[in-house]
Amino acid sequence: MQRIVQIIDKQGVFYRFLFRIEETRFRHQQYDGTMSDEMARLNLERGDSVAALVHDTDSDCVILAGQFRYPTYEKGPGWILEIPAGILEPDESPQESTRREVLEEIGDSAGSLRLITSVYVSPGGSSERIQVFYVPVAQPGVNRTLIAETLPELLRKAGYRTIHVGKAPFAAEGTPSEDPRALGFDVNMAGHCAGAPGSYQGLKNFARKGGSIVDVPGLDEYHDKDIKLTDSLTIEARKALDAAVAEKKPFYLYMSHYAVDGPWGPDNRFIEKYRTDKSDCSSTKARKIRERHEDSAQQTVAWR
């Protein structure tokens, strides 16, 4: 039910800089339905404001700005830490003002914004409202970055051990998310920016001759051994699952085999059934790789 307010008189009694004080005489409806006696109140009118809760998603920290605020000086400390905030300019939307304040006060470019709440700062004496936005930011210097909370991060916060095994072309070389651990994984085995391997052969160190960006990292234990890339990833996945069980933690395994990118090579366990006069053709090699992956999936699922 909307209650009645009767404005009897309103006039400005002070105006300087951004501050205007109004004196208003009014009556308002009370809880029993009757009207109150006439009363007078002063109201500091300085417009509305915006504020930003800036979340550095890489470090999972809130970024604050150090400011000198004179009204806090006499009672101390004068210099305070606060979330970026400022006046909502008449020619700006709340989102535009928020992005401007974030850039001015902490030097970050705000991408997506989400309104958290709108509150009156001091309703006993001021009409100022402040709209507070959640602002996720990327690591400084990384352009065209999508900010999102990933499934592995959500599961890790819920107590899961999150495991990534295999290729991880989620982001470009030299950016934070090149390493899946930046996306919420506790464990990263062999994942980096490349989507194809240097080689599927342990005897070739899973690398190309002379070195390349596609050389698979983190599998030194299997170098110079007669083992296939898929098999080494399967072994590492089972190790990670054993560790999670030993810690009595639920787990999430993201198993991402390098496939079906070249360079392809033979696997003697599966090659006989495909031997024809065209046993080296691309389609035959691709079928062998798929069968190798099916074998890996069966071993992983049956690890316990």
Protein backbone atom coordinates (compact mmCIF):
# COMPACT_ATOMS: atom_id res chain seq x y z
CA MET A 1 0.00 0.00 0.00
CA GLN A 2 1.37 3.40 -0.98
CA ARG A 3 1.30 5.84 1.92
CA ILE A 4 0.48 9.53 1.53
CA VAL A 5 3.13 12.26 1.75
CA GLN A 6 2.10 15.93 1.61
CA ILE A 7 4.86 18.36 0.63
CA ILE A 8 4.01 21.74 2.15
CA ASP A 9 7.08 23.70 1.15
CA LYS A 10 10.55 23.02 -0.31
CA GLN A 11 13.37 25.49 -0.82
CA GLY A 12 17.12 25.48 -1.29
CA VAL A 13 19.05 26.90 1.64
CA PHE A 14 22.63 26.24 0.51
CA TYR A 15 24.40 25.47 -2.76
CA ARG A 16 28.15 25.21 -3.37
CA PHE A 17 30.25 22.98 -5.63
CA LEU A 18 28.32 19.74 -6.01
CA PHE A 19 26.33 20.09 -2.81
CA ARG A 20 22.83 21.47 -2.45
CA ILE A 21 20.91 21.48 0.83
CA GLU A 22 17.13 21.64 0.69
CA GLU A 23 14.75 22.36 3.55
CA THR A 24 11.37 20.70 3.20
CA ARG A 25 8.23 20.96 5.33
CA PHE A 26 5.86 18.00 4.99
CA ARG A 27 3.41 15.62 6.62
CA HIS A 28 3.20 11.88 6.04
CA GLN A 29 0.70 9.13 6.72
CA GLN A 30 1.41 7.06 9.84
CA TYR A 31 0.95 3.35 10.45
CA ASP A 32 -2.50 3.88 12.00
CA GLY A 33 -3.63 5.76 8.90
CA THR A 34 -3.62 9.24 10.43
CA MET A 35 -1.42 12.10 9.18
CA SER A 36 1.59 13.22 11.19
CA ASP A 37 2.13 16.73 12.42
CA GLU A 38 4.01 19.06 10.12
CA MET A 39 7.77 18.58 10.32
CA ALA A 40 10.87 20.05 8.68
CA ARG A 41 13.91 18.16 7.40
CA LEU A 42 17.16 19.08 5.68
CA ASN A 43 18.27 16.98 2.71
CA LEU A 44 21.75 16.96 1.16
CA GLU A 45 21.15 16.58 -2.57
CA ARG A 46 24.30 15.77 -4.53
CA GLY A 47 22.95 13.45 -7.21
CA ASP A 48 23.40 9.71 -7.56
CA SER A 49 26.64 7.73 -7.73
CA VAL A 50 28.07 4.46 -9.01
CA ALA A 51 30.58 2.05 -7.51
CA ALA A 52 32.43 -0.98 -8.82
CA LEU A 53 33.32 -4.20 -7.03
CA VAL A 54 36.29 -5.02 -9.27
CA HIS A 55 37.20 -8.71 -9.22
CA ASP A 56 40.57 -9.80 -10.58
CA THR A 57 39.56 -13.26 -11.76
CA ASP A 58 43.16 -14.47 -12.17
CA SER A 59 44.13 -13.88 -8.54
CA ASP A 60 40.56 -14.10 -7.17
CA CYS A 61 41.04 -10.77 -5.37
CA VAL A 62 39.01 -7.57 -5.12
CA ILE A 63 40.91 -4.50 -6.34
CA LEU A 64 40.65 -1.40 -4.14
CA ALA A 65 41.68 2.21 -4.76
CA GLY A 66 43.64 4.30 -2.24
CA GLN A 67 42.13 7.78 -1.83
CA PHE A 68 42.50 10.78 0.47
CA ARG A 69 39.02 11.66 1.76
CA TYR A 70 39.02 14.86 3.81
CA PRO A 71 35.79 14.10 5.77
CA THR A 72 37.62 11.13 7.32
CA TYR A 73 40.76 13.12 8.17
CA GLU A 74 39.97 14.54 11.64
CA LYS A 75 38.72 11.21 12.99
CA GLY A 76 41.35 9.36 10.94
CA PRO A 77 42.88 8.06 8.87
CA GLY A 78 42.16 10.43 5.95
CA TRP A 79 43.73 8.02 3.46
CA ILE A 80 41.41 5.08 2.98
CA LEU A 81 40.99 2.04 0.76
CA GLU A 82 37.69 1.89 -1.09
CA ILE A 83 36.07 0.35 -4.12
CA PRO A 84 36.19 2.63 -7.19
CA ALA A 85 33.24 5.02 -7.12
CA GLY A 86 32.11 8.39 -8.38
CA ILE A 87 29.26 10.67 -9.32
CA LEU A 88 26.80 9.58 -11.98
CA GLU A 89 27.17 12.29 -14.61
CA PRO A 90 23.95 13.63 -16.18
CA ASP A 91 25.04 12.69 -19.71
CA GLU A 92 26.15 9.15 -18.82
CA SER A 93 24.38 5.90 -18.13
CA PRO A 94 25.30 4.14 -14.85
CA GLN A 95 27.29 1.60 -16.87
CA GLU A 96 29.24 4.33 -18.69
CA SER A 97 30.03 6.12 -15.44
CA THR A 98 31.19 2.87 -13.85
CA ARG A 99 33.54 2.07 -16.73
CA ARG A 100 34.97 5.60 -16.56
CA GLU A 101 35.58 5.40 -12.81
CA VAL A 102 37.27 1.99 -13.06
CA LEU A 103 39.57 3.27 -15.80
CA GLU A 104 40.38 6.51 -13.95
CA GLU A 105 40.97 5.04 -10.50
CA ILE A 106 42.68 1.70 -11.13
CA GLY A 107 43.54 1.76 -14.83
CA ASP A 108 41.49 -1.26 -15.88
CA SER A 109 39.05 -1.46 -18.75
CA ALA A 110 35.74 -2.85 -17.55
CA GLY A 111 34.03 -5.29 -19.88
CA SER A 112 30.86 -6.94 -18.68
CA LEU A 113 29.01 -5.32 -15.77
CA ARG A 114 26.37 -6.78 -13.47
CA LEU A 115 24.28 -4.67 -11.13
CA ILE A 116 24.57 -6.00 -7.59
CA THR A 117 22.37 -3.56 -5.70
CA SER A 118 21.23 0.04 -5.39
CA VAL A 119 21.35 1.60 -1.92
CA TYR A 120 20.87 4.95 -0.20
CA VAL A 121 24.18 5.99 1.34
CA SER A 122 22.76 7.95 4.31
CA PRO A 123 18.94 8.12 4.05
CA GLY A 124 18.60 10.10 7.27
CA GLY A 125 20.15 13.17 5.69
CA SER A 126 20.90 12.64 2.00
CA SER A 127 18.99 11.52 -1.08
CA GLU A 128 22.13 10.12 -2.74
CA ARG A 129 21.71 6.62 -4.18
CA ILE A 130 24.64 4.50 -5.24
CA GLN A 131 24.42 1.70 -7.79
CA VAL A 132 27.01 -1.01 -7.17
CA PHE A 133 28.22 -3.12 -10.10
CA TYR A 134 30.22 -6.35 -10.18
CA VAL A 135 33.12 -5.85 -12.61
CA PRO A 136 35.32 -8.85 -13.52
CA VAL A 137 38.63 -7.85 -15.09
CA ALA A 138 41.33 -9.75 -16.93
CA GLN A 139 45.02 -9.63 -16.23
CA PRO A 140 46.33 -6.21 -17.35
CA GLY A 141 47.77 -6.24 -20.87
CA VAL A 142 45.69 -9.14 -22.21
CA ASN A 143 43.37 -7.78 -24.87
CA ARG A 144 40.15 -9.32 -26.18
CA THR A 145 39.77 -11.52 -23.10
CA LEU A 146 36.51 -13.23 -22.18
CA ILE A 147 35.86 -13.20 -18.44
CA ALA A 148 33.78 -16.08 -17.14
CA GLU A 149 33.69 -18.47 -14.20
CA THR A 150 34.43 -21.89 -15.63
CA LEU A 151 32.95 -25.24 -14.68
CA PRO A 152 36.30 -26.49 -13.27
CA GLU A 153 36.55 -23.36 -11.09
CA LEU A 154 33.02 -23.86 -9.77
CA LEU A 155 33.74 -27.52 -9.01
CA ARG A 156 37.05 -26.69 -7.32
CA LYS A 157 35.27 -24.20 -5.06
CA ALA A 158 32.80 -26.98 -4.24
CA GLY A 159 35.64 -29.23 -3.04
CA TYR A 160 36.41 -31.26 -6.17
CA ARG A 161 39.89 -32.10 -7.38
CA THR A 162 39.87 -30.85 -10.97
CA ILE A 163 42.13 -32.63 -13.43
CA HIS A 164 43.04 -31.76 -17.00
CA VAL A 165 44.87 -34.30 -19.15
CA GLY A 166 45.70 -33.79 -22.83
CA LYS A 167 45.51 -30.95 -25.27
CA ALA A 168 44.19 -27.57 -24.17
CA PRO A 169 44.04 -25.02 -27.01
CA PHE A 170 41.86 -22.71 -24.91
CA ALA A 171 43.99 -19.58 -25.35
CA ALA A 172 46.89 -18.14 -27.30
CA GLU A 173 50.55 -18.64 -26.44
CA GLY A 174 51.74 -16.25 -23.75
CA THR A 175 48.30 -15.54 -22.25
CA PRO A 176 47.26 -16.68 -18.75
CA SER A 177 44.75 -19.28 -19.92
CA GLU A 178 47.39 -21.04 -21.99
CA ASP A 179 47.80 -23.04 -18.77
CA PRO A 180 44.54 -24.84 -17.86
CA ARG A 181 45.29 -24.20 -14.17
CA ALA A 182 44.29 -20.59 -14.83
CA LEU A 183 40.84 -21.91 -15.76
CA GLY A 184 40.23 -23.74 -12.51
CA PHE A 185 42.14 -27.02 -12.87
CA ASP A 186 44.23 -28.24 -9.93
CA VAL A 187 46.22 -30.55 -12.21
CA ASN A 188 47.41 -29.96 -15.75
CA MET A 189 49.14 -32.75 -17.61
CA ALA A 190 50.39 -32.05 -21.14
CA GLY A 191 48.00 -29.16 -21.81
CA HIS A 192 49.14 -25.94 -23.49
CA CYS A 193 48.09 -23.67 -26.33
CA ALA A 194 48.69 -26.09 -29.22
CA GLY A 195 45.96 -28.42 -30.43
CA ALA A 196 48.24 -30.81 -32.33
CA PRO A 197 51.21 -32.81 -31.01
CA GLY A 198 54.78 -32.65 -32.23
CA SER A 199 54.66 -36.42 -32.40
CA TYR A 200 52.59 -39.31 -31.07
CA GLN A 201 55.79 -41.27 -30.35
CA GLY A 202 57.64 -41.38 -27.02
CA LEU A 203 60.78 -42.35 -28.94
CA LYS A 204 60.56 -38.91 -30.56
CA ASN A 205 59.81 -37.22 -27.20
CA PHE A 206 56.38 -36.25 -28.54
CA ALA A 207 58.17 -33.45 -30.39
CA ARG A 208 59.19 -32.34 -33.83
CA LYS A 209 62.81 -32.39 -34.87
CA GLY A 210 64.40 -29.10 -33.94
CA GLY A 211 61.63 -28.11 -31.56
CA SER A 212 58.26 -26.49 -32.18
CA ILE A 213 55.34 -24.82 -30.41
CA VAL A 214 53.42 -28.09 -30.85
CA ASP A 215 55.88 -30.16 -28.79
CA VAL A 216 53.86 -31.73 -25.96
CA PRO A 217 55.00 -30.51 -22.51
CA GLY A 218 55.13 -32.28 -19.17
CA LEU A 219 55.80 -35.86 -20.32
CA ASP A 220 59.57 -36.07 -19.85
CA GLU A 221 59.13 -39.35 -17.95
CA TYR A 222 58.11 -41.04 -21.20
CA HIS A 223 60.81 -39.57 -23.47
CA ASP A 224 62.97 -42.04 -25.39
CA LYS A 225 60.54 -44.84 -24.57
CA ASP A 226 58.49 -46.99 -26.91
CA ILE A 227 55.15 -45.62 -25.82
CA LYS A 228 52.41 -43.73 -27.59
CA LEU A 229 51.16 -40.31 -26.54
CA THR A 230 47.63 -41.58 -25.90
CA ASP A 231 48.93 -44.32 -23.59
CA SER A 232 51.10 -41.94 -21.58
CA LEU A 233 48.12 -39.61 -21.08
CA THR A 234 46.00 -42.55 -19.95
CA ILE A 235 48.61 -43.50 -17.34
CA GLU A 236 48.80 -39.91 -16.07
CA ALA A 237 45.01 -39.67 -15.86
CA ARG A 238 44.85 -42.82 -13.75
CA LYS A 239 47.59 -41.47 -11.46
CA ALA A 240 45.65 -38.26 -10.93
CA LEU A 241 42.47 -40.19 -10.16
CA ASP A 242 44.36 -42.36 -7.64
CA ALA A 243 45.66 -39.20 -5.93
CA ALA A 244 42.14 -37.75 -5.67
CA VAL A 245 40.82 -40.96 -4.14
CA ALA A 246 43.74 -41.08 -1.70
CA GLU A 247 42.78 -37.57 -0.58
CA LYS A 248 39.15 -38.70 -0.29
CA LYS A 249 38.03 -35.95 -2.63
CA PRO A 250 35.47 -36.07 -5.43
CA PHE A 251 37.07 -35.43 -8.78
CA TYR A 252 36.40 -34.00 -12.21
CA LEU A 253 38.53 -35.35 -15.07
CA TYR A 254 38.70 -33.48 -18.37
CA MET A 255 40.34 -36.00 -20.71
CA SER A 256 41.27 -34.42 -24.04
CA HIS A 257 43.34 -36.62 -26.34
CA TYR A 258 45.49 -35.17 -29.07
CA ALA A 259 43.47 -36.31 -32.07
CA VAL A 260 43.03 -36.64 -34.86
CA ASP A 261 45.72 -34.18 -35.84
CA GLY A 262 48.93 -35.23 -37.55
CA PRO A 263 51.65 -36.30 -37.63
CA TRP A 264 50.17 -39.81 -37.66
CA GLY A 265 52.11 -42.98 -37.06
CA PRO A 266 51.47 -46.73 -36.80
CA ASP A 267 50.35 -48.54 -33.65
CA ASN A 268 51.28 -52.22 -33.92
CA ARG A 269 48.54 -53.28 -31.47
CA PHE A 270 45.81 -52.34 -33.94
CA ILE A 271 47.49 -52.29 -37.34
CA GLU A 272 46.97 -55.93 -38.38
CA LYS A 273 43.20 -55.69 -38.88
CA TYR A 274 43.75 -52.78 -41.25
CA ARG A 275 46.53 -54.28 -43.32
CA THR A 276 45.70 -53.92 -47.01
CA ASP A 277 47.59 -52.71 -49.96
CA LYS A 278 46.59 -49.23 -48.75
CA SER A 279 47.52 -49.68 -45.09
CA ASP A 280 49.39 -46.37 -45.00
CA CYS A 281 46.55 -44.25 -46.33
CA SER A 282 45.18 -41.42 -44.18
CA SER A 283 41.80 -43.02 -43.48
CA THR A 284 43.49 -46.17 -42.14
CA LYS A 285 45.76 -44.16 -39.85
CA ALA A 286 42.81 -42.15 -38.58
CA ARG A 287 40.88 -45.33 -37.74
CA LYS A 288 43.89 -46.64 -35.79
CA ILE A 289 44.05 -43.42 -33.79
CA ARG A 290 40.34 -43.61 -32.97
CA GLU A 291 40.70 -47.21 -31.82
CA ARG A 292 43.64 -46.21 -29.63
CA HIS A 293 41.45 -43.55 -28.02
CA GLU A 294 38.61 -45.99 -27.44
CA ASP A 295 41.08 -48.29 -25.68
CA SER A 296 42.25 -45.38 -23.53
CA ALA A 297 38.68 -44.48 -22.58
CA GLN A 298 37.97 -48.07 -21.54
CA GLN A 299 41.11 -48.19 -19.39
CA THR A 300 40.30 -44.85 -17.74
CA VAL A 301 36.70 -45.77 -16.95
CA ALA A 302 37.79 -49.17 -15.58
CA TRP A 303 40.67 -47.77 -13.51
CA ARG A 304 39.00 -48.91 -10.27
